[in-house]
Amino acid sequence: MPYAQADGAKLYYEETGTGHPIVFVHEFGADHREWETQVRYFSRQYRCITYPARGYPPSEVPTDAALYGQEHAVNDIAAVMRAAGVAKAHVVGLSMGGFATLLFGLRYPQMASALVVAGAGSGAPRAEHTAFKAGNQAKAATLIAQGWKGELAQETGHSATRIQLKQKDPRGWAEFIAHLEEHSALGTGLTMKHYQGGRESIFDWEATLRTMQVPTLLALGDEDGPCIETNIWLKSVLPNAGLWMQPRTGHAINLEEPGPFNREVQDFFSTVERGRWKLG
């Protein structure tokens, strides 16, 4: 089992396929297993790398709260790439992973050949940001104390932006819940408190975002309400980005609509690789 040594944590990672590398970065409620449909599709032509974030076994679960947060999350992408011997990769992130992916494009542009930022932006608008952080900090203590089994997992799975998965794919939803219940209460609780509850607003990055040239695909479902405003704004400020919105789809876009998601991402990668993404 390969591990990458990051700052304060060893990160487990998996590789499948050969070709140009793609690194997949998961959301808060998921882990590396939720990229399985993408790995099976893209590994036919690409080298696919997935990893569970710090705090998500089999990666290490640090007990020191200082070892969680947005800086660790973005640096962990680079640590996994270095451990795998990857100098440059396409990076695909969802939600929490999409936030880290976007920040990766700002901090490590030389290591990113293309970015897919999916379902990112919850709590980012300035009018919502303070309350979003406070809410996550408050929920973290409950999560650490109770764990995911039962009430918290069901509450998450039936939320307004996730119920769509259950309605479309009951078996996929049940698998998502089963994985969620296996997550470390401490690891995800500290992640919620210090990453979700401590991260900056994407809107704070405006000046740097306007200069970022890494080809970027913004992706989200039209029923992912907390993310729509931020993604429309990102399309207006990122100079080399496109926006794709999937109808009748919530937050877990890669699980809800794997076929359209894979096709759109494949088309994006192909366009980038042919040097035809940037207009003008």
C-alpha atoms as a PDB file:
ATOM      1  CA  MET A   1       0.000   0.000   0.000  1.00  0.00           C
ATOM      2  CA  PRO A   2       1.695   3.251  -1.121  1.00  0.00           C
ATOM      3  CA  TYR A   3       1.696   6.287   1.145  1.00  0.00           C
ATOM      4  CA  ALA A   4       2.751   9.880   0.587  1.00  0.00           C
ATOM      5  CA  GLN A   5       4.418  11.702   3.457  1.00  0.00           C
ATOM      6  CA  ALA A   6       2.718  15.074   3.814  1.00  0.00           C
ATOM      7  CA  ASP A   7       3.173  17.659   6.561  1.00  0.00           C
ATOM      8  CA  GLY A   8       2.047  15.860   9.714  1.00  0.00           C
ATOM      9  CA  ALA A   9       0.243  12.959   8.042  1.00  0.00           C
ATOM     10  CA  LYS A  10       0.839   9.969   5.804  1.00  0.00           C
ATOM     11  CA  LEU A  11      -1.632   9.831   2.921  1.00  0.00           C
ATOM     12  CA  TYR A  12      -2.660   6.551   1.339  1.00  0.00           C
ATOM     13  CA  TYR A  13      -3.115   6.653  -2.418  1.00  0.00           C
ATOM     14  CA  GLU A  14      -4.108   4.341  -5.254  1.00  0.00           C
ATOM     15  CA  GLU A  15      -3.114   4.323  -8.934  1.00  0.00           C
ATOM     16  CA  THR A  16      -4.903   2.799 -11.913  1.00  0.00           C
ATOM     17  CA  GLY A  17      -4.048   2.968 -15.599  1.00  0.00           C
ATOM     18  CA  THR A  18      -1.331   4.626 -17.629  1.00  0.00           C
ATOM     19  CA  GLY A  19      -1.036   7.882 -19.506  1.00  0.00           C
ATOM     20  CA  HIS A  20      -1.225  11.524 -18.478  1.00  0.00           C
ATOM     21  CA  PRO A  21      -2.013  11.663 -14.736  1.00  0.00           C
ATOM     22  CA  ILE A  22      -5.344  12.705 -13.251  1.00  0.00           C
ATOM     23  CA  VAL A  23      -5.520  13.338  -9.495  1.00  0.00           C
ATOM     24  CA  PHE A  24      -8.993  13.117  -7.934  1.00  0.00           C
ATOM     25  CA  VAL A  25      -9.692  15.075  -4.728  1.00  0.00           C
ATOM     26  CA  HIS A  26     -12.818  14.056  -2.809  1.00  0.00           C
ATOM     27  CA  GLU A  27     -15.488  16.019  -0.974  1.00  0.00           C
ATOM     28  CA  PHE A  28     -16.096  16.243   2.785  1.00  0.00           C
ATOM     29  CA  GLY A  29     -18.824  13.589   2.877  1.00  0.00           C
ATOM     30  CA  ALA A  30     -16.977  11.118   0.667  1.00  0.00           C
ATOM     31  CA  ASP A  31     -13.565   9.523   0.325  1.00  0.00           C
ATOM     32  CA  HIS A  32     -11.452   8.187  -2.530  1.00  0.00           C
ATOM     33  CA  ARG A  33     -13.933   5.373  -3.190  1.00  0.00           C
ATOM     34  CA  GLU A  34     -16.548   7.793  -4.515  1.00  0.00           C
ATOM     35  CA  TRP A  35     -14.384   8.331  -7.605  1.00  0.00           C
ATOM     36  CA  GLU A  36     -14.691   4.685  -8.654  1.00  0.00           C
ATOM     37  CA  THR A  37     -16.920   5.374 -11.666  1.00  0.00           C
ATOM     38  CA  GLN A  38     -14.485   8.025 -12.876  1.00  0.00           C
ATOM     39  CA  VAL A  39     -11.452   5.786 -12.329  1.00  0.00           C
ATOM     40  CA  ARG A  40     -12.998   2.944 -14.315  1.00  0.00           C
ATOM     41  CA  TYR A  41     -13.742   5.315 -17.182  1.00  0.00           C
ATOM     42  CA  PHE A  42     -10.619   7.464 -17.306  1.00  0.00           C
ATOM     43  CA  SER A  43      -8.056   4.749 -16.491  1.00  0.00           C
ATOM     44  CA  ARG A  44      -8.547   3.398 -20.004  1.00  0.00           C
ATOM     45  CA  GLN A  45      -6.542   6.381 -21.261  1.00  0.00           C
ATOM     46  CA  TYR A  46      -5.067   8.082 -18.194  1.00  0.00           C
ATOM     47  CA  ARG A  47      -3.106   7.312 -15.056  1.00  0.00           C
ATOM     48  CA  CYS A  48      -5.698   7.864 -12.304  1.00  0.00           C
ATOM     49  CA  ILE A  49      -4.637   8.691  -8.749  1.00  0.00           C
ATOM     50  CA  THR A  50      -7.060   8.820  -5.828  1.00  0.00           C
ATOM     51  CA  TYR A  51      -6.397   9.335  -2.148  1.00  0.00           C
ATOM     52  CA  PRO A  52      -8.374   9.780   1.070  1.00  0.00           C
ATOM     53  CA  ALA A  53      -7.672  13.133   2.690  1.00  0.00           C
ATOM     54  CA  ARG A  54      -5.910  13.406   6.051  1.00  0.00           C
ATOM     55  CA  GLY A  55      -8.390  12.370   8.697  1.00  0.00           C
ATOM     56  CA  TYR A  56      -9.945   9.748   6.408  1.00  0.00           C
ATOM     57  CA  PRO A  57      -8.530   6.212   6.874  1.00  0.00           C
ATOM     58  CA  PRO A  58      -6.525   4.507   5.544  1.00  0.00           C
ATOM     59  CA  SER A  59      -4.749   7.890   5.464  1.00  0.00           C
ATOM     60  CA  GLU A  60      -3.583   8.972   8.899  1.00  0.00           C
ATOM     61  CA  VAL A  61      -5.904  10.725  11.335  1.00  0.00           C
ATOM     62  CA  PRO A  62      -3.851  13.377  13.126  1.00  0.00           C
ATOM     63  CA  THR A  63      -5.035  14.234  16.631  1.00  0.00           C
ATOM     64  CA  ASP A  64      -3.461  17.697  16.536  1.00  0.00           C
ATOM     65  CA  ALA A  65      -6.059  20.228  15.362  1.00  0.00           C
ATOM     66  CA  ALA A  66      -3.284  22.356  13.857  1.00  0.00           C
ATOM     67  CA  LEU A  67      -2.754  19.651  11.221  1.00  0.00           C
ATOM     68  CA  TYR A  68      -6.088  20.359   9.529  1.00  0.00           C
ATOM     69  CA  GLY A  69      -7.203  23.213   7.286  1.00  0.00           C
ATOM     70  CA  GLN A  70      -7.090  24.602   3.775  1.00  0.00           C
ATOM     71  CA  GLU A  71      -3.308  24.968   3.622  1.00  0.00           C
ATOM     72  CA  HIS A  72      -2.776  21.325   4.469  1.00  0.00           C
ATOM     73  CA  ALA A  73      -5.450  20.308   1.960  1.00  0.00           C
ATOM     74  CA  VAL A  74      -3.844  22.090  -0.980  1.00  0.00           C
ATOM     75  CA  ASN A  75      -0.319  21.025  -0.017  1.00  0.00           C
ATOM     76  CA  ASP A  76      -1.498  17.421   0.296  1.00  0.00           C
ATOM     77  CA  ILE A  77      -2.345  17.328  -3.418  1.00  0.00           C
ATOM     78  CA  ALA A  78       1.246  18.275  -4.190  1.00  0.00           C
ATOM     79  CA  ALA A  79       2.572  15.731  -1.662  1.00  0.00           C
ATOM     80  CA  VAL A  80       0.638  12.887  -3.287  1.00  0.00           C
ATOM     81  CA  MET A  81       1.843  13.926  -6.742  1.00  0.00           C
ATOM     82  CA  ARG A  82       5.464  14.055  -5.626  1.00  0.00           C
ATOM     83  CA  ALA A  83       5.220  10.649  -3.933  1.00  0.00           C
ATOM     84  CA  ALA A  84       3.764   9.191  -7.132  1.00  0.00           C
ATOM     85  CA  GLY A  85       6.497  10.805  -9.226  1.00  0.00           C
ATOM     86  CA  VAL A  86       4.072  13.115 -11.028  1.00  0.00           C
ATOM     87  CA  ALA A  87       5.365  16.519 -12.127  1.00  0.00           C
ATOM     88  CA  LYS A  88       2.142  17.754 -13.731  1.00  0.00           C
ATOM     89  CA  ALA A  89      -1.432  16.471 -13.748  1.00  0.00           C
ATOM     90  CA  HIS A  90      -5.030  17.230 -14.466  1.00  0.00           C
ATOM     91  CA  VAL A  91      -6.690  17.728 -11.057  1.00  0.00           C
ATOM     92  CA  VAL A  92     -10.371  16.984 -10.455  1.00  0.00           C
ATOM     93  CA  GLY A  93     -12.001  18.020  -7.181  1.00  0.00           C
ATOM     94  CA  LEU A  94     -15.538  17.970  -5.801  1.00  0.00           C
ATOM     95  CA  SER A  95     -16.872  20.387  -3.152  1.00  0.00           C
ATOM     96  CA  MET A  96     -14.237  20.480  -0.387  1.00  0.00           C
ATOM     97  CA  GLY A  97     -11.913  18.876  -2.927  1.00  0.00           C
ATOM     98  CA  GLY A  98     -12.979  21.449  -5.508  1.00  0.00           C
ATOM     99  CA  PHE A  99     -12.010  24.237  -3.116  1.00  0.00           C
ATOM    100  CA  ALA A 100      -8.569  22.650  -2.694  1.00  0.00           C
ATOM    101  CA  THR A 101      -8.285  22.110  -6.448  1.00  0.00           C
ATOM    102  CA  LEU A 102      -8.986  25.764  -7.188  1.00  0.00           C
ATOM    103  CA  LEU A 103      -6.464  26.825  -4.551  1.00  0.00           C
ATOM    104  CA  PHE A 104      -3.989  24.347  -6.050  1.00  0.00           C
ATOM    105  CA  GLY A 105      -4.274  26.209  -9.345  1.00  0.00           C
ATOM    106  CA  LEU A 106      -3.295  29.404  -7.535  1.00  0.00           C
ATOM    107  CA  ARG A 107      -0.488  27.946  -5.410  1.00  0.00           C
ATOM    108  CA  TYR A 108       0.930  25.296  -7.768  1.00  0.00           C
ATOM    109  CA  PRO A 109       0.080  26.382 -11.334  1.00  0.00           C
ATOM    110  CA  GLN A 110       3.243  24.743 -12.666  1.00  0.00           C
ATOM    111  CA  MET A 111       1.934  21.352 -11.482  1.00  0.00           C
ATOM    112  CA  ALA A 112      -1.562  21.689 -12.974  1.00  0.00           C
ATOM    113  CA  SER A 113      -2.262  20.971 -16.641  1.00  0.00           C
ATOM    114  CA  ALA A 114      -6.025  21.391 -16.174  1.00  0.00           C
ATOM    115  CA  LEU A 115      -8.495  21.786 -13.307  1.00  0.00           C
ATOM    116  CA  VAL A 116     -12.031  20.491 -12.859  1.00  0.00           C
ATOM    117  CA  VAL A 117     -13.644  22.386  -9.988  1.00  0.00           C
ATOM    118  CA  ALA A 118     -16.974  20.670  -9.279  1.00  0.00           C
ATOM    119  CA  GLY A 119     -19.595  21.686  -6.735  1.00  0.00           C
ATOM    120  CA  ALA A 120     -17.337  24.205  -5.027  1.00  0.00           C
ATOM    121  CA  GLY A 121     -18.456  27.359  -3.252  1.00  0.00           C
ATOM    122  CA  SER A 122     -20.747  26.473  -0.346  1.00  0.00           C
ATOM    123  CA  GLY A 123     -20.665  29.328   2.143  1.00  0.00           C
ATOM    124  CA  ALA A 124     -18.358  31.413  -0.024  1.00  0.00           C
ATOM    125  CA  PRO A 125     -20.549  34.492  -0.697  1.00  0.00           C
ATOM    126  CA  ARG A 126     -19.532  37.210   1.731  1.00  0.00           C
ATOM    127  CA  ALA A 127     -23.041  37.560   3.173  1.00  0.00           C
ATOM    128  CA  GLU A 128     -22.995  33.856   4.129  1.00  0.00           C
ATOM    129  CA  HIS A 129     -19.363  33.219   4.950  1.00  0.00           C
ATOM    130  CA  THR A 130     -19.272  34.042   8.669  1.00  0.00           C
ATOM    131  CA  ALA A 131     -22.395  32.020   9.433  1.00  0.00           C
ATOM    132  CA  PHE A 132     -21.132  29.110   7.323  1.00  0.00           C
ATOM    133  CA  LYS A 133     -17.874  28.896   9.277  1.00  0.00           C
ATOM    134  CA  ALA A 134     -19.633  29.236  12.645  1.00  0.00           C
ATOM    135  CA  GLY A 135     -22.127  26.523  11.739  1.00  0.00           C
ATOM    136  CA  ASN A 136     -19.403  24.062  10.813  1.00  0.00           C
ATOM    137  CA  GLN A 137     -17.444  24.796  13.970  1.00  0.00           C
ATOM    138  CA  ALA A 138     -20.556  24.175  16.066  1.00  0.00           C
ATOM    139  CA  LYS A 139     -21.440  20.919  14.288  1.00  0.00           C
ATOM    140  CA  ALA A 140     -17.914  19.577  14.606  1.00  0.00           C
ATOM    141  CA  ALA A 141     -18.213  18.858  18.330  1.00  0.00           C
ATOM    142  CA  THR A 142     -21.377  16.819  17.749  1.00  0.00           C
ATOM    143  CA  LEU A 143     -19.710  14.860  14.977  1.00  0.00           C
ATOM    144  CA  ILE A 144     -16.653  14.052  17.086  1.00  0.00           C
ATOM    145  CA  ALA A 145     -18.859  12.930  19.971  1.00  0.00           C
ATOM    146  CA  GLN A 146     -21.458  10.944  18.034  1.00  0.00           C
ATOM    147  CA  GLY A 147     -19.760   9.750  14.857  1.00  0.00           C
ATOM    148  CA  TRP A 148     -21.565   9.236  11.589  1.00  0.00           C
ATOM    149  CA  LYS A 149     -23.552   6.064  12.198  1.00  0.00           C
ATOM    150  CA  GLY A 150     -27.289   6.671  12.201  1.00  0.00           C
ATOM    151  CA  GLU A 151     -28.639  10.183  12.576  1.00  0.00           C
ATOM    152  CA  LEU A 152     -25.850  12.319  11.105  1.00  0.00           C
ATOM    153  CA  ALA A 153     -25.352  10.134   8.035  1.00  0.00           C
ATOM    154  CA  GLN A 154     -29.077   9.995   7.324  1.00  0.00           C
ATOM    155  CA  GLU A 155     -29.430  13.733   7.830  1.00  0.00           C
ATOM    156  CA  THR A 156     -26.622  14.336   5.342  1.00  0.00           C
ATOM    157  CA  GLY A 157     -27.991  11.897   2.788  1.00  0.00           C
ATOM    158  CA  HIS A 158     -31.468  13.448   2.922  1.00  0.00           C
ATOM    159  CA  SER A 159     -30.305  17.068   2.703  1.00  0.00           C
ATOM    160  CA  ALA A 160     -31.690  19.330  -0.001  1.00  0.00           C
ATOM    161  CA  THR A 161     -28.654  18.991  -2.275  1.00  0.00           C
ATOM    162  CA  ARG A 162     -28.127  15.223  -1.801  1.00  0.00           C
ATOM    163  CA  ILE A 163     -31.606  13.707  -1.876  1.00  0.00           C
ATOM    164  CA  GLN A 164     -31.383  13.730  -5.682  1.00  0.00           C
ATOM    165  CA  LEU A 165     -28.871  10.865  -5.545  1.00  0.00           C
ATOM    166  CA  LYS A 166     -31.313   8.718  -3.568  1.00  0.00           C
ATOM    167  CA  GLN A 167     -34.114   9.489  -6.008  1.00  0.00           C
ATOM    168  CA  LYS A 168     -32.001   8.654  -9.068  1.00  0.00           C
ATOM    169  CA  ASP A 169     -29.786   5.841  -7.810  1.00  0.00           C
ATOM    170  CA  PRO A 170     -30.935   4.203  -4.542  1.00  0.00           C
ATOM    171  CA  ARG A 171     -28.118   1.646  -4.615  1.00  0.00           C
ATOM    172  CA  GLY A 172     -25.505   4.329  -5.196  1.00  0.00           C
ATOM    173  CA  TRP A 173     -27.010   6.412  -2.387  1.00  0.00           C
ATOM    174  CA  ALA A 174     -26.936   3.421  -0.004  1.00  0.00           C
ATOM    175  CA  GLU A 175     -23.273   2.845  -0.824  1.00  0.00           C
ATOM    176  CA  PHE A 176     -22.526   6.526  -0.206  1.00  0.00           C
ATOM    177  CA  ILE A 177     -24.203   6.301   3.229  1.00  0.00           C
ATOM    178  CA  ALA A 178     -22.363   3.073   4.081  1.00  0.00           C
ATOM    179  CA  HIS A 179     -19.019   4.714   3.285  1.00  0.00           C
ATOM    180  CA  LEU A 180     -20.011   7.838   5.200  1.00  0.00           C
ATOM    181  CA  GLU A 181     -20.749   5.784   8.328  1.00  0.00           C
ATOM    182  CA  GLU A 182     -17.245   4.306   8.150  1.00  0.00           C
ATOM    183  CA  HIS A 183     -15.506   7.682   8.333  1.00  0.00           C
ATOM    184  CA  SER A 184     -13.458   8.648  11.358  1.00  0.00           C
ATOM    185  CA  ALA A 185     -15.476  10.816  13.741  1.00  0.00           C
ATOM    186  CA  LEU A 186     -12.316  12.535  14.939  1.00  0.00           C
ATOM    187  CA  GLY A 187     -10.804  13.028  11.501  1.00  0.00           C
ATOM    188  CA  THR A 188     -13.926  14.378   9.844  1.00  0.00           C
ATOM    189  CA  GLY A 189     -14.851  16.363  12.945  1.00  0.00           C
ATOM    190  CA  LEU A 190     -11.503  18.151  12.975  1.00  0.00           C
ATOM    191  CA  THR A 191     -11.778  18.629   9.221  1.00  0.00           C
ATOM    192  CA  MET A 192     -15.204  20.207   9.669  1.00  0.00           C
ATOM    193  CA  LYS A 193     -13.970  22.510  12.417  1.00  0.00           C
ATOM    194  CA  HIS A 194     -10.668  23.653  10.958  1.00  0.00           C
ATOM    195  CA  TYR A 195     -11.092  23.269   7.184  1.00  0.00           C
ATOM    196  CA  GLN A 196     -14.793  23.848   6.548  1.00  0.00           C
ATOM    197  CA  GLY A 197     -15.037  26.080   9.585  1.00  0.00           C
ATOM    198  CA  GLY A 198     -11.787  27.935   9.033  1.00  0.00           C
ATOM    199  CA  ARG A 199     -11.361  28.338   5.316  1.00  0.00           C
ATOM    200  CA  GLU A 200     -11.271  31.595   3.422  1.00  0.00           C
ATOM    201  CA  SER A 201     -13.996  32.774   1.071  1.00  0.00           C
ATOM    202  CA  ILE A 202     -13.253  32.089  -2.581  1.00  0.00           C
ATOM    203  CA  PHE A 203     -14.321  35.693  -3.179  1.00  0.00           C
ATOM    204  CA  ASP A 204     -11.274  36.813  -1.186  1.00  0.00           C
ATOM    205  CA  TRP A 205      -9.047  35.427  -3.951  1.00  0.00           C
ATOM    206  CA  GLU A 206     -10.432  37.664  -6.700  1.00  0.00           C
ATOM    207  CA  ALA A 207      -7.238  39.518  -7.589  1.00  0.00           C
ATOM    208  CA  THR A 208      -5.229  36.300  -7.988  1.00  0.00           C
ATOM    209  CA  LEU A 209      -8.042  34.396  -9.709  1.00  0.00           C
ATOM    210  CA  ARG A 210      -8.129  37.064 -12.414  1.00  0.00           C
ATOM    211  CA  THR A 211      -4.533  36.180 -13.302  1.00  0.00           C
ATOM    212  CA  MET A 212      -4.782  32.364 -13.190  1.00  0.00           C
ATOM    213  CA  GLN A 213      -4.243  30.871 -16.638  1.00  0.00           C
ATOM    214  CA  VAL A 214      -4.647  27.161 -15.824  1.00  0.00           C
ATOM    215  CA  PRO A 215      -7.460  25.762 -18.024  1.00  0.00           C
ATOM    216  CA  THR A 216     -10.439  25.257 -15.727  1.00  0.00           C
ATOM    217  CA  LEU A 217     -13.826  23.593 -16.031  1.00  0.00           C
ATOM    218  CA  LEU A 218     -16.376  24.687 -13.439  1.00  0.00           C
ATOM    219  CA  ALA A 219     -19.028  21.987 -12.994  1.00  0.00           C
ATOM    220  CA  LEU A 220     -22.160  21.828 -10.860  1.00  0.00           C
ATOM    221  CA  GLY A 221     -25.740  20.686 -10.727  1.00  0.00           C
ATOM    222  CA  ASP A 222     -28.555  23.186 -11.108  1.00  0.00           C
ATOM    223  CA  GLU A 223     -30.056  22.015  -7.795  1.00  0.00           C
ATOM    224  CA  ASP A 224     -26.835  22.644  -5.895  1.00  0.00           C
ATOM    225  CA  GLY A 225     -28.177  25.987  -4.690  1.00  0.00           C
ATOM    226  CA  PRO A 226     -25.376  26.963  -2.270  1.00  0.00           C
ATOM    227  CA  CYS A 227     -22.813  26.796  -5.103  1.00  0.00           C
ATOM    228  CA  ILE A 228     -24.560  28.482  -8.033  1.00  0.00           C
ATOM    229  CA  GLU A 229     -23.796  32.116  -7.207  1.00  0.00           C
ATOM    230  CA  THR A 230     -20.126  31.399  -6.586  1.00  0.00           C
ATOM    231  CA  ASN A 231     -19.683  29.479  -9.837  1.00  0.00           C
ATOM    232  CA  ILE A 232     -21.333  32.172 -11.946  1.00  0.00           C
ATOM    233  CA  TRP A 233     -18.996  34.669 -10.294  1.00  0.00           C
ATOM    234  CA  LEU A 234     -15.972  32.427 -10.884  1.00  0.00           C
ATOM    235  CA  LYS A 235     -16.845  32.207 -14.578  1.00  0.00           C
ATOM    236  CA  SER A 236     -16.795  36.006 -14.701  1.00  0.00           C
ATOM    237  CA  VAL A 237     -13.356  36.381 -13.097  1.00  0.00           C
ATOM    238  CA  LEU A 238     -11.338  33.357 -14.248  1.00  0.00           C
ATOM    239  CA  PRO A 239      -9.770  34.224 -17.615  1.00  0.00           C
ATOM    240  CA  ASN A 240      -9.469  30.628 -18.856  1.00  0.00           C
ATOM    241  CA  ALA A 241     -12.554  28.894 -17.449  1.00  0.00           C
ATOM    242  CA  GLY A 242     -15.732  27.350 -18.788  1.00  0.00           C
ATOM    243  CA  LEU A 243     -18.929  26.643 -16.848  1.00  0.00           C
ATOM    244  CA  TRP A 244     -20.993  23.475 -17.260  1.00  0.00           C
ATOM    245  CA  MET A 245     -24.259  22.993 -15.360  1.00  0.00           C
ATOM    246  CA  GLN A 246     -26.078  19.635 -15.336  1.00  0.00           C
ATOM    247  CA  PRO A 247     -29.894  19.879 -15.113  1.00  0.00           C
ATOM    248  CA  ARG A 248     -31.879  18.302 -12.266  1.00  0.00           C
ATOM    249  CA  THR A 249     -28.735  17.483 -10.324  1.00  0.00           C
ATOM    250  CA  GLY A 250     -27.580  18.216  -6.787  1.00  0.00           C
ATOM    251  CA  HIS A 251     -24.229  18.319  -5.048  1.00  0.00           C
ATOM    252  CA  ALA A 252     -22.664  14.907  -5.728  1.00  0.00           C
ATOM    253  CA  ILE A 253     -22.632  15.457  -9.477  1.00  0.00           C
ATOM    254  CA  ASN A 254     -20.100  12.710 -10.254  1.00  0.00           C
ATOM    255  CA  LEU A 255     -22.238  10.132  -8.421  1.00  0.00           C
ATOM    256  CA  GLU A 256     -25.627  11.355  -9.624  1.00  0.00           C
ATOM    257  CA  GLU A 257     -24.714  11.729 -13.290  1.00  0.00           C
ATOM    258  CA  PRO A 258     -21.505   9.796 -13.948  1.00  0.00           C
ATOM    259  CA  GLY A 259     -22.160   9.504 -17.678  1.00  0.00           C
ATOM    260  CA  PRO A 260     -22.574  13.228 -18.422  1.00  0.00           C
ATOM    261  CA  PHE A 261     -19.874  14.124 -15.890  1.00  0.00           C
ATOM    262  CA  ASN A 262     -17.322  11.788 -17.456  1.00  0.00           C
ATOM    263  CA  ARG A 263     -18.169  12.930 -20.991  1.00  0.00           C
ATOM    264  CA  GLU A 264     -17.909  16.638 -20.165  1.00  0.00           C
ATOM    265  CA  VAL A 265     -14.638  16.168 -18.312  1.00  0.00           C
ATOM    266  CA  GLN A 266     -13.248  13.994 -21.123  1.00  0.00           C
ATOM    267  CA  ASP A 267     -14.217  16.594 -23.723  1.00  0.00           C
ATOM    268  CA  PHE A 268     -12.582  19.298 -21.608  1.00  0.00           C
ATOM    269  CA  PHE A 269      -9.349  17.331 -21.220  1.00  0.00           C
ATOM    270  CA  SER A 270      -9.270  16.534 -24.932  1.00  0.00           C
ATOM    271  CA  THR A 271      -9.736  20.191 -25.849  1.00  0.00           C
ATOM    272  CA  VAL A 272      -6.979  21.247 -23.455  1.00  0.00           C
ATOM    273  CA  GLU A 273      -4.611  18.562 -24.723  1.00  0.00           C
ATOM    274  CA  ARG A 274      -5.169  19.680 -28.323  1.00  0.00           C
ATOM    275  CA  GLY A 275      -4.350  23.245 -27.348  1.00  0.00           C
ATOM    276  CA  ARG A 276      -7.841  24.439 -28.269  1.00  0.00           C
ATOM    277  CA  TRP A 277      -9.289  25.409 -24.879  1.00  0.00           C
ATOM    278  CA  LYS A 278      -8.277  29.053 -24.738  1.00  0.00           C
ATOM    279  CA  LEU A 279     -10.331  31.236 -27.046  1.00  0.00           C
ATOM    280  CA  GLY A 280      -8.840  34.179 -28.885  1.00  0.00           C
END
